[in-house]
Amino acid sequence: MKKRRLSTFERLQRGEPLRRNERRELQKQLESCDPQLKIVHPDAAGIDVGHASHFASVPAGREPQPVQEFGSWTSDLYRLAKWLKSCGIRTVAMQSTGVYWIALQEVLEKEGLEVYLVNARGTKNLPGRKSDVQECQWLMKLHSYGLLRNSFRPPEQIQAVRAIWRQRRRLVEDASRAIQQMQKALTTMNVQLANAISDLSGVTGMAIVRAIVKGERDPVVLARLRDKRTRASEEEMAHSLEGNWRTEVIFELGQVVESYDFHRQQIAACDVELQARLAALPGRGAGQPADEGATREPNGAKKRAKKPRKNQPQFDLRTELHRICGVDLTRIDGIDVLTAQVIVSE
């Protein structure tokens, strides 16, 4: 059976790019007095979102000045919504410009208007004109013909989880950069601690770094701070801690340690907030997830579950995600608990 060829309108709705001849033909239609296109949204308006002000356009004949400029203050946003409603507008199209659209969308939806949030990449495929005033008119015209596709926005609860998770990810990256700065400072002083331990942010590494910041310089005393599980011996550790102590570098090291501790505190606060936000999400009635990589001792007893890794949330995130999704996403090859959390939040 021969597959039906999609129309230009259907391809635009699916986000597919247009060929050059299709773009030219659509531009001729849109710029003509009679575009021969069906009106899908008769009560449509367009808003060109900006930093200091917003330009709004309504259909001609509903207002002596169909294009007006409104400020970005909250009172101006409510004045804009009131003006649109007085013009009989029911649906509004605007582009997702930076973060300036967020407050505007909240006010418009609060006032009962349907908002089409259009991705700028989607409008690139449409031929048109560009200027401060004409952009809002162009958006109104395209939206009235149903040529703009609304962007997906998750529910508010998921938006809150996403915001906290993104903030936590940035803090983890900042903490990682602080560890790299610590390593750079130690290497500058020829303290070869990285050759004796694998992770500077571990128990042994941070204990030694903090002792150096507090003023300890004796390699033997510093080596005694090693954790008993460290593979390197005290002699090897002491040998690696013989360096050229420089006051300015140690000052820098102390600043970085303080920054690292602050980031870890912020991450812990994010974990508390994230746990509360996830607990508020509805579940899908699934049971508890199977033990991840569960193994048993020779006598049949289960081994004790491993603690979460340092950069993982310090609560049972896997069980919480299983309750929310109804399935255990970590059972999929290549999906760990952090990737599952990204899937849920994004």
C-alpha atoms as a PDB file:
ATOM      1  CA  MET A   1       0.000   0.000   0.000  1.00  0.00           C
ATOM      2  CA  LYS A   2       1.384   3.387  -1.028  1.00  0.00           C
ATOM      3  CA  LYS A   3       2.104   5.700   1.897  1.00  0.00           C
ATOM      4  CA  ARG A   4       0.130   8.953   1.923  1.00  0.00           C
ATOM      5  CA  ARG A   5       2.246  12.055   1.419  1.00  0.00           C
ATOM      6  CA  LEU A   6       2.034  14.492   4.325  1.00  0.00           C
ATOM      7  CA  SER A   7       0.888  18.038   3.672  1.00  0.00           C
ATOM      8  CA  THR A   8       3.026  21.079   4.504  1.00  0.00           C
ATOM      9  CA  PHE A   9       0.829  21.775   7.546  1.00  0.00           C
ATOM     10  CA  GLU A  10       1.203  18.202   8.843  1.00  0.00           C
ATOM     11  CA  ARG A  11       4.976  18.292   8.389  1.00  0.00           C
ATOM     12  CA  LEU A  12       5.186  21.569  10.311  1.00  0.00           C
ATOM     13  CA  GLN A  13       3.137  20.120  13.148  1.00  0.00           C
ATOM     14  CA  ARG A  14       5.548  17.185  13.341  1.00  0.00           C
ATOM     15  CA  GLY A  15       8.546  19.518  13.383  1.00  0.00           C
ATOM     16  CA  GLU A  16       9.962  18.299  10.066  1.00  0.00           C
ATOM     17  CA  PRO A  17      12.048  20.736   7.970  1.00  0.00           C
ATOM     18  CA  LEU A  18      10.603  22.122   4.752  1.00  0.00           C
ATOM     19  CA  ARG A  19      12.265  22.050   1.373  1.00  0.00           C
ATOM     20  CA  ARG A  20      13.243  25.339  -0.269  1.00  0.00           C
ATOM     21  CA  ASN A  21      10.390  25.336  -2.756  1.00  0.00           C
ATOM     22  CA  GLU A  22       7.897  24.565   0.032  1.00  0.00           C
ATOM     23  CA  ARG A  23       9.232  27.463   2.093  1.00  0.00           C
ATOM     24  CA  ARG A  24       8.881  29.860  -0.856  1.00  0.00           C
ATOM     25  CA  GLU A  25       5.332  28.698  -1.536  1.00  0.00           C
ATOM     26  CA  LEU A  26       4.340  29.007   2.119  1.00  0.00           C
ATOM     27  CA  GLN A  27       5.887  32.480   2.321  1.00  0.00           C
ATOM     28  CA  LYS A  28       3.863  33.622  -0.689  1.00  0.00           C
ATOM     29  CA  GLN A  29       0.700  32.302   0.948  1.00  0.00           C
ATOM     30  CA  LEU A  30       1.370  33.886   4.312  1.00  0.00           C
ATOM     31  CA  GLU A  31       2.288  37.298   2.900  1.00  0.00           C
ATOM     32  CA  SER A  32      -0.654  37.449   0.498  1.00  0.00           C
ATOM     33  CA  CYS A  33      -3.910  39.187   1.412  1.00  0.00           C
ATOM     34  CA  ASP A  34      -5.757  35.900   1.068  1.00  0.00           C
ATOM     35  CA  PRO A  35      -3.407  33.136   2.225  1.00  0.00           C
ATOM     36  CA  GLN A  36      -6.027  30.440   1.499  1.00  0.00           C
ATOM     37  CA  LEU A  37      -5.323  28.834   4.853  1.00  0.00           C
ATOM     38  CA  LYS A  38      -7.933  27.738   7.356  1.00  0.00           C
ATOM     39  CA  ILE A  39      -8.257  29.805  10.548  1.00  0.00           C
ATOM     40  CA  VAL A  40      -7.694  27.413  13.428  1.00  0.00           C
ATOM     41  CA  HIS A  41      -7.483  29.920  16.294  1.00  0.00           C
ATOM     42  CA  PRO A  42      -9.692  32.957  15.529  1.00  0.00           C
ATOM     43  CA  ASP A  43      -9.114  34.513  18.968  1.00  0.00           C
ATOM     44  CA  ALA A  44      -5.314  34.354  18.859  1.00  0.00           C
ATOM     45  CA  ALA A  45      -2.696  36.879  19.909  1.00  0.00           C
ATOM     46  CA  GLY A  46       1.066  37.008  19.587  1.00  0.00           C
ATOM     47  CA  ILE A  47       3.614  38.296  22.093  1.00  0.00           C
ATOM     48  CA  ASP A  48       7.233  39.151  21.379  1.00  0.00           C
ATOM     49  CA  VAL A  49       8.924  38.493  24.731  1.00  0.00           C
ATOM     50  CA  GLY A  50      11.768  40.768  25.778  1.00  0.00           C
ATOM     51  CA  HIS A  51      13.861  41.674  28.788  1.00  0.00           C
ATOM     52  CA  ALA A  52      12.529  45.165  29.520  1.00  0.00           C
ATOM     53  CA  SER A  53       9.207  45.057  27.651  1.00  0.00           C
ATOM     54  CA  HIS A  54       6.851  42.810  25.690  1.00  0.00           C
ATOM     55  CA  PHE A  55       5.100  43.623  22.398  1.00  0.00           C
ATOM     56  CA  ALA A  56       1.607  42.153  22.025  1.00  0.00           C
ATOM     57  CA  SER A  57      -0.535  41.959  18.915  1.00  0.00           C
ATOM     58  CA  VAL A  58      -4.254  41.184  18.553  1.00  0.00           C
ATOM     59  CA  PRO A  59      -6.325  40.819  15.360  1.00  0.00           C
ATOM     60  CA  ALA A  60      -7.179  44.049  13.558  1.00  0.00           C
ATOM     61  CA  GLY A  61     -10.598  45.525  14.356  1.00  0.00           C
ATOM     62  CA  ARG A  62     -10.601  44.547  18.037  1.00  0.00           C
ATOM     63  CA  GLU A  63      -8.562  47.522  19.218  1.00  0.00           C
ATOM     64  CA  PRO A  64      -7.693  50.911  17.659  1.00  0.00           C
ATOM     65  CA  GLN A  65      -4.031  50.088  18.353  1.00  0.00           C
ATOM     66  CA  PRO A  66      -3.720  46.318  17.734  1.00  0.00           C
ATOM     67  CA  VAL A  67      -0.014  46.325  18.647  1.00  0.00           C
ATOM     68  CA  GLN A  68       0.964  47.629  22.071  1.00  0.00           C
ATOM     69  CA  GLU A  69       4.030  47.550  24.286  1.00  0.00           C
ATOM     70  CA  PHE A  70       3.915  46.514  27.938  1.00  0.00           C
ATOM     71  CA  GLY A  71       6.617  46.622  30.569  1.00  0.00           C
ATOM     72  CA  SER A  72       8.065  43.596  32.308  1.00  0.00           C
ATOM     73  CA  TRP A  73       6.936  44.590  35.836  1.00  0.00           C
ATOM     74  CA  THR A  74       4.404  42.277  37.449  1.00  0.00           C
ATOM     75  CA  SER A  75       1.719  44.964  37.381  1.00  0.00           C
ATOM     76  CA  ASP A  76       2.351  45.431  33.641  1.00  0.00           C
ATOM     77  CA  LEU A  77       1.968  41.686  33.054  1.00  0.00           C
ATOM     78  CA  TYR A  78      -1.467  41.722  34.688  1.00  0.00           C
ATOM     79  CA  ARG A  79      -2.345  44.821  32.663  1.00  0.00           C
ATOM     80  CA  LEU A  80      -1.318  42.931  29.508  1.00  0.00           C
ATOM     81  CA  ALA A  81      -3.495  39.945  30.434  1.00  0.00           C
ATOM     82  CA  LYS A  82      -6.454  42.248  31.162  1.00  0.00           C
ATOM     83  CA  TRP A  83      -5.986  43.966  27.788  1.00  0.00           C
ATOM     84  CA  LEU A  84      -5.914  40.656  25.932  1.00  0.00           C
ATOM     85  CA  LYS A  85      -9.092  39.476  27.649  1.00  0.00           C
ATOM     86  CA  SER A  86     -10.832  42.771  26.840  1.00  0.00           C
ATOM     87  CA  CYS A  87      -9.992  42.122  23.164  1.00  0.00           C
ATOM     88  CA  GLY A  88     -11.657  38.712  23.294  1.00  0.00           C
ATOM     89  CA  ILE A  89      -8.381  36.775  23.120  1.00  0.00           C
ATOM     90  CA  ARG A  90      -8.429  33.145  24.262  1.00  0.00           C
ATOM     91  CA  THR A  91      -5.053  31.818  23.151  1.00  0.00           C
ATOM     92  CA  VAL A  92      -1.623  33.448  23.003  1.00  0.00           C
ATOM     93  CA  ALA A  93       1.579  32.433  21.201  1.00  0.00           C
ATOM     94  CA  MET A  94       5.023  33.484  22.371  1.00  0.00           C
ATOM     95  CA  GLN A  95       8.580  32.249  22.004  1.00  0.00           C
ATOM     96  CA  SER A  96      10.577  30.768  24.861  1.00  0.00           C
ATOM     97  CA  THR A  97      13.107  33.596  25.084  1.00  0.00           C
ATOM     98  CA  GLY A  98      15.617  32.961  27.884  1.00  0.00           C
ATOM     99  CA  VAL A  99      13.738  32.877  31.181  1.00  0.00           C
ATOM    100  CA  TYR A 100      11.759  36.067  30.536  1.00  0.00           C
ATOM    101  CA  TRP A 101       8.697  34.104  29.412  1.00  0.00           C
ATOM    102  CA  ILE A 102       8.223  32.205  32.693  1.00  0.00           C
ATOM    103  CA  ALA A 103       6.648  35.001  34.738  1.00  0.00           C
ATOM    104  CA  LEU A 104       4.546  36.101  31.754  1.00  0.00           C
ATOM    105  CA  GLN A 105       3.218  32.605  31.138  1.00  0.00           C
ATOM    106  CA  GLU A 106       2.286  32.153  34.799  1.00  0.00           C
ATOM    107  CA  VAL A 107       0.294  35.406  34.801  1.00  0.00           C
ATOM    108  CA  LEU A 108      -1.479  34.659  31.511  1.00  0.00           C
ATOM    109  CA  GLU A 109      -2.451  31.137  32.575  1.00  0.00           C
ATOM    110  CA  LYS A 110      -3.578  32.430  35.964  1.00  0.00           C
ATOM    111  CA  GLU A 111      -5.898  34.824  34.115  1.00  0.00           C
ATOM    112  CA  GLY A 112      -7.406  31.925  32.135  1.00  0.00           C
ATOM    113  CA  LEU A 113      -5.614  32.367  28.792  1.00  0.00           C
ATOM    114  CA  GLU A 114      -4.249  29.411  26.840  1.00  0.00           C
ATOM    115  CA  VAL A 115      -0.530  29.904  26.217  1.00  0.00           C
ATOM    116  CA  TYR A 116       1.368  28.357  23.299  1.00  0.00           C
ATOM    117  CA  LEU A 117       5.044  28.325  24.202  1.00  0.00           C
ATOM    118  CA  VAL A 118       6.873  28.079  20.891  1.00  0.00           C
ATOM    119  CA  ASN A 119      10.461  26.958  20.536  1.00  0.00           C
ATOM    120  CA  ALA A 120      12.459  29.389  18.402  1.00  0.00           C
ATOM    121  CA  ARG A 121      13.961  26.445  16.512  1.00  0.00           C
ATOM    122  CA  GLY A 122      10.473  25.554  15.318  1.00  0.00           C
ATOM    123  CA  THR A 123       9.773  29.005  13.914  1.00  0.00           C
ATOM    124  CA  LYS A 124      13.091  29.034  12.015  1.00  0.00           C
ATOM    125  CA  ASN A 125      11.516  26.658   9.539  1.00  0.00           C
ATOM    126  CA  LEU A 126       8.810  29.212   8.767  1.00  0.00           C
ATOM    127  CA  PRO A 127       9.526  32.130   6.426  1.00  0.00           C
ATOM    128  CA  GLY A 128       8.725  35.544   7.858  1.00  0.00           C
ATOM    129  CA  ARG A 129       9.776  39.026   8.880  1.00  0.00           C
ATOM    130  CA  LYS A 130      11.847  40.060  11.892  1.00  0.00           C
ATOM    131  CA  SER A 131      11.510  43.318  13.838  1.00  0.00           C
ATOM    132  CA  ASP A 132      10.449  44.294  17.354  1.00  0.00           C
ATOM    133  CA  VAL A 133       6.876  45.129  16.373  1.00  0.00           C
ATOM    134  CA  GLN A 134       6.280  42.806  13.439  1.00  0.00           C
ATOM    135  CA  GLU A 135       7.478  39.714  15.283  1.00  0.00           C
ATOM    136  CA  CYS A 136       4.425  39.685  17.550  1.00  0.00           C
ATOM    137  CA  GLN A 137       2.144  40.219  14.542  1.00  0.00           C
ATOM    138  CA  TRP A 138       3.852  37.396  12.710  1.00  0.00           C
ATOM    139  CA  LEU A 139       3.453  35.041  15.673  1.00  0.00           C
ATOM    140  CA  MET A 140      -0.234  35.961  15.914  1.00  0.00           C
ATOM    141  CA  LYS A 141      -0.755  35.243  12.210  1.00  0.00           C
ATOM    142  CA  LEU A 142       1.050  31.914  12.284  1.00  0.00           C
ATOM    143  CA  HIS A 143      -0.770  30.874  15.444  1.00  0.00           C
ATOM    144  CA  SER A 144      -4.171  31.790  14.017  1.00  0.00           C
ATOM    145  CA  TYR A 145      -3.488  29.392  11.122  1.00  0.00           C
ATOM    146  CA  GLY A 146      -2.333  26.648  13.491  1.00  0.00           C
ATOM    147  CA  LEU A 147       1.220  26.595  12.145  1.00  0.00           C
ATOM    148  CA  LEU A 148       2.922  26.772  15.557  1.00  0.00           C
ATOM    149  CA  ARG A 149       3.539  23.756  17.753  1.00  0.00           C
ATOM    150  CA  ASN A 150       3.155  24.066  21.520  1.00  0.00           C
ATOM    151  CA  SER A 151       6.105  22.988  23.647  1.00  0.00           C
ATOM    152  CA  PHE A 152       5.693  20.324  26.301  1.00  0.00           C
ATOM    153  CA  ARG A 153       5.856  21.494  29.909  1.00  0.00           C
ATOM    154  CA  PRO A 154       5.780  18.939  32.722  1.00  0.00           C
ATOM    155  CA  PRO A 155       3.479  19.351  35.741  1.00  0.00           C
ATOM    156  CA  GLU A 156       4.538  21.743  38.489  1.00  0.00           C
ATOM    157  CA  GLN A 157       5.599  18.916  40.817  1.00  0.00           C
ATOM    158  CA  ILE A 158       7.986  17.539  38.187  1.00  0.00           C
ATOM    159  CA  GLN A 159       9.254  21.050  37.438  1.00  0.00           C
ATOM    160  CA  ALA A 160      10.154  21.433  41.120  1.00  0.00           C
ATOM    161  CA  VAL A 161      11.998  18.100  41.144  1.00  0.00           C
ATOM    162  CA  ARG A 162      13.817  19.042  37.935  1.00  0.00           C
ATOM    163  CA  ALA A 163      14.925  22.417  39.327  1.00  0.00           C
ATOM    164  CA  ILE A 164      16.341  20.817  42.492  1.00  0.00           C
ATOM    165  CA  TRP A 165      18.046  18.029  40.553  1.00  0.00           C
ATOM    166  CA  ARG A 166      19.674  20.484  38.138  1.00  0.00           C
ATOM    167  CA  GLN A 167      20.866  22.610  41.059  1.00  0.00           C
ATOM    168  CA  ARG A 168      22.302  19.513  42.732  1.00  0.00           C
ATOM    169  CA  ARG A 169      24.109  18.537  39.549  1.00  0.00           C
ATOM    170  CA  ARG A 170      25.732  21.982  39.344  1.00  0.00           C
ATOM    171  CA  LEU A 171      26.857  21.692  42.975  1.00  0.00           C
ATOM    172  CA  VAL A 172      28.393  18.266  42.316  1.00  0.00           C
ATOM    173  CA  GLU A 173      30.307  19.738  39.373  1.00  0.00           C
ATOM    174  CA  ASP A 174      31.513  22.631  41.548  1.00  0.00           C
ATOM    175  CA  ALA A 175      32.666  20.185  44.242  1.00  0.00           C
ATOM    176  CA  SER A 176      34.538  18.173  41.618  1.00  0.00           C
ATOM    177  CA  ARG A 177      36.309  21.316  40.408  1.00  0.00           C
ATOM    178  CA  ALA A 178      37.303  22.079  44.000  1.00  0.00           C
ATOM    179  CA  ILE A 179      38.925  18.625  44.278  1.00  0.00           C
ATOM    180  CA  GLN A 180      40.848  19.325  41.070  1.00  0.00           C
ATOM    181  CA  GLN A 181      42.065  22.626  42.526  1.00  0.00           C
ATOM    182  CA  MET A 182      43.216  20.815  45.688  1.00  0.00           C
ATOM    183  CA  GLN A 183      45.165  18.362  43.563  1.00  0.00           C
ATOM    184  CA  LYS A 184      46.735  21.208  41.604  1.00  0.00           C
ATOM    185  CA  ALA A 185      47.817  22.960  44.824  1.00  0.00           C
ATOM    186  CA  LEU A 186      49.402  19.777  46.205  1.00  0.00           C
ATOM    187  CA  THR A 187      51.216  19.103  42.932  1.00  0.00           C
ATOM    188  CA  THR A 188      52.506  22.693  42.915  1.00  0.00           C
ATOM    189  CA  MET A 189      54.160  21.955  46.268  1.00  0.00           C
ATOM    190  CA  ASN A 190      55.362  18.552  44.935  1.00  0.00           C
ATOM    191  CA  VAL A 191      53.191  16.663  47.415  1.00  0.00           C
ATOM    192  CA  GLN A 192      52.617  13.446  45.467  1.00  0.00           C
ATOM    193  CA  LEU A 193      49.623  12.252  47.465  1.00  0.00           C
ATOM    194  CA  ALA A 194      47.796  11.254  44.274  1.00  0.00           C
ATOM    195  CA  ASN A 195      50.421   8.530  43.699  1.00  0.00           C
ATOM    196  CA  ALA A 196      49.582   6.924  47.053  1.00  0.00           C
ATOM    197  CA  ILE A 197      45.767   7.136  47.085  1.00  0.00           C
ATOM    198  CA  SER A 198      43.246   6.883  44.268  1.00  0.00           C
ATOM    199  CA  ASP A 199      40.713   9.449  45.488  1.00  0.00           C
ATOM    200  CA  LEU A 200      41.736  12.716  47.096  1.00  0.00           C
ATOM    201  CA  SER A 201      38.146  13.346  48.242  1.00  0.00           C
ATOM    202  CA  GLY A 202      38.114  10.112  50.260  1.00  0.00           C
ATOM    203  CA  VAL A 203      38.568   9.722  54.011  1.00  0.00           C
ATOM    204  CA  THR A 204      42.369   9.567  53.886  1.00  0.00           C
ATOM    205  CA  GLY A 205      42.848  12.334  51.349  1.00  0.00           C
ATOM    206  CA  MET A 206      40.598  14.886  53.039  1.00  0.00           C
ATOM    207  CA  ALA A 207      42.020  14.100  56.501  1.00  0.00           C
ATOM    208  CA  ILE A 208      45.543  14.789  55.261  1.00  0.00           C
ATOM    209  CA  VAL A 209      44.553  17.920  53.332  1.00  0.00           C
ATOM    210  CA  ARG A 210      42.745  19.360  56.344  1.00  0.00           C
ATOM    211  CA  ALA A 211      45.770  18.648  58.558  1.00  0.00           C
ATOM    212  CA  ILE A 212      48.038  20.446  56.072  1.00  0.00           C
ATOM    213  CA  VAL A 213      45.725  23.471  56.080  1.00  0.00           C
ATOM    214  CA  LYS A 214      45.798  23.515  59.897  1.00  0.00           C
ATOM    215  CA  GLY A 215      49.597  23.665  59.876  1.00  0.00           C
ATOM    216  CA  GLU A 216      50.889  20.080  60.060  1.00  0.00           C
ATOM    217  CA  ARG A 217      54.040  19.567  57.972  1.00  0.00           C
ATOM    218  CA  ASP A 218      55.595  16.359  59.340  1.00  0.00           C
ATOM    219  CA  PRO A 219      55.151  13.635  56.664  1.00  0.00           C
ATOM    220  CA  VAL A 220      55.202  10.870  59.306  1.00  0.00           C
ATOM    221  CA  VAL A 221      52.434  12.489  61.338  1.00  0.00           C
ATOM    222  CA  LEU A 222      50.385  13.107  58.195  1.00  0.00           C
ATOM    223  CA  ALA A 223      50.843   9.502  57.083  1.00  0.00           C
ATOM    224  CA  ARG A 224      49.348   8.250  60.334  1.00  0.00           C
ATOM    225  CA  LEU A 225      46.028   9.805  59.281  1.00  0.00           C
ATOM    226  CA  ARG A 226      45.619   7.157  56.581  1.00  0.00           C
ATOM    227  CA  ASP A 227      42.573   4.957  56.767  1.00  0.00           C
ATOM    228  CA  LYS A 228      43.314   1.333  57.602  1.00  0.00           C
ATOM    229  CA  ARG A 229      41.757   0.257  54.297  1.00  0.00           C
ATOM    230  CA  THR A 230      44.313   2.260  52.275  1.00  0.00           C
ATOM    231  CA  ARG A 231      46.578  -0.005  50.268  1.00  0.00           C
ATOM    232  CA  ALA A 232      49.642   2.222  50.545  1.00  0.00           C
ATOM    233  CA  SER A 233      51.724   1.703  53.686  1.00  0.00           C
ATOM    234  CA  GLU A 234      52.584   4.474  56.131  1.00  0.00           C
ATOM    235  CA  GLU A 235      56.141   4.542  54.747  1.00  0.00           C
ATOM    236  CA  GLU A 236      54.910   5.026  51.182  1.00  0.00           C
ATOM    237  CA  MET A 237      52.428   7.632  52.343  1.00  0.00           C
ATOM    238  CA  ALA A 238      55.086   9.570  54.275  1.00  0.00           C
ATOM    239  CA  HIS A 239      57.400   9.488  51.266  1.00  0.00           C
ATOM    240  CA  SER A 240      54.694  10.978  49.053  1.00  0.00           C
ATOM    241  CA  LEU A 241      54.036  13.778  51.565  1.00  0.00           C
ATOM    242  CA  GLU A 242      57.502  15.308  51.392  1.00  0.00           C
ATOM    243  CA  GLY A 243      56.965  18.612  49.630  1.00  0.00           C
ATOM    244  CA  ASN A 244      58.007  22.221  49.284  1.00  0.00           C
ATOM    245  CA  TRP A 245      55.573  23.998  51.591  1.00  0.00           C
ATOM    246  CA  ARG A 246      54.577  27.391  50.212  1.00  0.00           C
ATOM    247  CA  THR A 247      52.419  29.697  52.324  1.00  0.00           C
ATOM    248  CA  GLU A 248      50.534  31.251  49.412  1.00  0.00           C
ATOM    249  CA  VAL A 249      49.624  27.829  47.998  1.00  0.00           C
ATOM    250  CA  ILE A 250      48.515  26.565  51.411  1.00  0.00           C
ATOM    251  CA  PHE A 251      46.336  29.672  51.751  1.00  0.00           C
ATOM    252  CA  GLU A 252      44.785  28.833  48.380  1.00  0.00           C
ATOM    253  CA  LEU A 253      44.331  25.225  49.504  1.00  0.00           C
ATOM    254  CA  GLY A 254      42.478  26.360  52.626  1.00  0.00           C
ATOM    255  CA  GLN A 255      40.141  28.521  50.558  1.00  0.00           C
ATOM    256  CA  VAL A 256      39.359  25.607  48.252  1.00  0.00           C
ATOM    257  CA  VAL A 257      38.681  23.260  51.183  1.00  0.00           C
ATOM    258  CA  GLU A 258      36.186  25.749  52.594  1.00  0.00           C
ATOM    259  CA  SER A 259      34.525  25.992  49.184  1.00  0.00           C
ATOM    260  CA  TYR A 260      34.378  22.200  48.919  1.00  0.00           C
ATOM    261  CA  ASP A 261      32.784  21.875  52.372  1.00  0.00           C
ATOM    262  CA  PHE A 262      30.210  24.506  51.458  1.00  0.00           C
ATOM    263  CA  HIS A 263      29.274  22.659  48.259  1.00  0.00           C
ATOM    264  CA  ARG A 264      28.899  19.379  50.162  1.00  0.00           C
ATOM    265  CA  GLN A 265      26.585  21.098  52.660  1.00  0.00           C
ATOM    266  CA  GLN A 266      24.511  22.493  49.809  1.00  0.00           C
ATOM    267  CA  ILE A 267      24.309  19.053  48.195  1.00  0.00           C
ATOM    268  CA  ALA A 268      23.080  17.577  51.486  1.00  0.00           C
ATOM    269  CA  ALA A 269      20.394  20.287  51.675  1.00  0.00           C
ATOM    270  CA  CYS A 270      19.346  19.450  48.099  1.00  0.00           C
ATOM    271  CA  ASP A 271      19.039  15.775  49.078  1.00  0.00           C
ATOM    272  CA  VAL A 272      16.653  16.653  51.906  1.00  0.00           C
ATOM    273  CA  GLU A 273      14.517  18.816  49.627  1.00  0.00           C
ATOM    274  CA  LEU A 274      14.626  16.274  46.793  1.00  0.00           C
ATOM    275  CA  GLN A 275      13.486  13.468  49.084  1.00  0.00           C
ATOM    276  CA  ALA A 276      10.522  15.557  50.260  1.00  0.00           C
ATOM    277  CA  ARG A 277       9.553  16.500  46.670  1.00  0.00           C
ATOM    278  CA  LEU A 278       9.750  12.907  45.446  1.00  0.00           C
ATOM    279  CA  ALA A 279       7.694  11.681  48.389  1.00  0.00           C
ATOM    280  CA  ALA A 280       4.929  14.103  47.376  1.00  0.00           C
ATOM    281  CA  LEU A 281       4.668  12.596  43.868  1.00  0.00           C
ATOM    282  CA  PRO A 282       1.932   9.980  43.385  1.00  0.00           C
ATOM    283  CA  GLY A 283       3.004   6.342  43.087  1.00  0.00           C
ATOM    284  CA  ARG A 284       1.885   3.661  40.669  1.00  0.00           C
ATOM    285  CA  GLY A 285       1.169   0.942  43.223  1.00  0.00           C
ATOM    286  CA  ALA A 286       4.235  -1.183  42.505  1.00  0.00           C
ATOM    287  CA  GLY A 287       6.010  -3.294  45.056  1.00  0.00           C
ATOM    288  CA  GLN A 288       9.525  -2.912  46.339  1.00  0.00           C
ATOM    289  CA  PRO A 289      12.320  -3.222  43.736  1.00  0.00           C
ATOM    290  CA  ALA A 290      14.411  -6.330  43.685  1.00  0.00           C
ATOM    291  CA  ASP A 291      17.758  -6.100  45.429  1.00  0.00           C
ATOM    292  CA  GLU A 292      20.254  -4.567  43.009  1.00  0.00           C
ATOM    293  CA  GLY A 293      22.915  -7.152  42.269  1.00  0.00           C
ATOM    294  CA  ALA A 294      21.697  -9.161  45.246  1.00  0.00           C
ATOM    295  CA  THR A 295      24.110 -11.854  46.336  1.00  0.00           C
ATOM    296  CA  ARG A 296      24.107 -14.260  49.248  1.00  0.00           C
ATOM    297  CA  GLU A 297      26.670 -15.594  51.629  1.00  0.00           C
ATOM    298  CA  PRO A 298      27.476 -19.339  51.575  1.00  0.00           C
ATOM    299  CA  ASN A 299      25.042 -19.872  54.470  1.00  0.00           C
ATOM    300  CA  GLY A 300      22.223 -18.303  52.411  1.00  0.00           C
ATOM    301  CA  ALA A 301      22.103 -14.966  54.211  1.00  0.00           C
ATOM    302  CA  LYS A 302      21.965 -11.806  52.145  1.00  0.00           C
ATOM    303  CA  LYS A 303      24.996  -9.566  52.058  1.00  0.00           C
ATOM    304  CA  ARG A 304      24.578  -6.127  53.572  1.00  0.00           C
ATOM    305  CA  ALA A 305      23.473  -3.536  50.997  1.00  0.00           C
ATOM    306  CA  LYS A 306      26.136  -1.093  49.877  1.00  0.00           C
ATOM    307  CA  LYS A 307      25.930   2.511  50.962  1.00  0.00           C
ATOM    308  CA  PRO A 308      25.183   5.114  48.271  1.00  0.00           C
ATOM    309  CA  ARG A 309      28.257   6.484  46.547  1.00  0.00           C
ATOM    310  CA  LYS A 310      29.436   9.927  47.543  1.00  0.00           C
ATOM    311  CA  ASN A 311      27.774  11.807  44.674  1.00  0.00           C
ATOM    312  CA  GLN A 312      24.533   9.851  44.952  1.00  0.00           C
ATOM    313  CA  PRO A 313      21.644  11.184  47.055  1.00  0.00           C
ATOM    314  CA  GLN A 314      22.062   9.918  50.607  1.00  0.00           C
ATOM    315  CA  PHE A 315      18.634   8.283  50.818  1.00  0.00           C
ATOM    316  CA  ASP A 316      16.986   5.311  49.143  1.00  0.00           C
ATOM    317  CA  LEU A 317      16.443   6.998  45.787  1.00  0.00           C
ATOM    318  CA  ARG A 318      16.055   3.703  43.917  1.00  0.00           C
ATOM    319  CA  THR A 319      13.058   2.603  45.970  1.00  0.00           C
ATOM    320  CA  GLU A 320      11.448   6.025  45.661  1.00  0.00           C
ATOM    321  CA  LEU A 321      11.827   6.038  41.857  1.00  0.00           C
ATOM    322  CA  HIS A 322      10.402   2.539  41.662  1.00  0.00           C
ATOM    323  CA  ARG A 323       7.342   3.686  43.599  1.00  0.00           C
ATOM    324  CA  ILE A 324       6.852   6.675  41.281  1.00  0.00           C
ATOM    325  CA  CYS A 325       7.425   4.865  37.964  1.00  0.00           C
ATOM    326  CA  GLY A 326       5.847   1.527  38.863  1.00  0.00           C
ATOM    327  CA  VAL A 327       8.886  -0.247  37.393  1.00  0.00           C
ATOM    328  CA  ASP A 328      12.530  -0.518  38.401  1.00  0.00           C
ATOM    329  CA  LEU A 329      14.379   1.418  35.693  1.00  0.00           C
ATOM    330  CA  THR A 330      17.752   0.303  37.043  1.00  0.00           C
ATOM    331  CA  ARG A 331      16.980  -3.224  35.812  1.00  0.00           C
ATOM    332  CA  ILE A 332      17.687  -1.935  32.298  1.00  0.00           C
ATOM    333  CA  ASP A 333      21.290  -2.451  31.213  1.00  0.00           C
ATOM    334  CA  GLY A 334      23.256   0.786  31.395  1.00  0.00           C
ATOM    335  CA  ILE A 335      20.700   2.612  33.578  1.00  0.00           C
ATOM    336  CA  ASP A 336      21.858   3.361  37.113  1.00  0.00           C
ATOM    337  CA  VAL A 337      19.916   5.221  39.782  1.00  0.00           C
ATOM    338  CA  LEU A 338      21.302   8.638  38.752  1.00  0.00           C
ATOM    339  CA  THR A 339      20.309   8.120  35.109  1.00  0.00           C
ATOM    340  CA  ALA A 340      16.852   6.978  36.226  1.00  0.00           C
ATOM    341  CA  GLN A 341      16.466  10.173  38.244  1.00  0.00           C
ATOM    342  CA  VAL A 342      17.405  12.250  35.182  1.00  0.00           C
ATOM    343  CA  ILE A 343      14.769  10.394  33.137  1.00  0.00           C
ATOM    344  CA  VAL A 344      12.068  11.121  35.714  1.00  0.00           C
ATOM    345  CA  SER A 345      12.972  14.775  36.255  1.00  0.00           C
ATOM    346  CA  GLU A 346      13.671  15.737  32.643  1.00  0.00           C
END
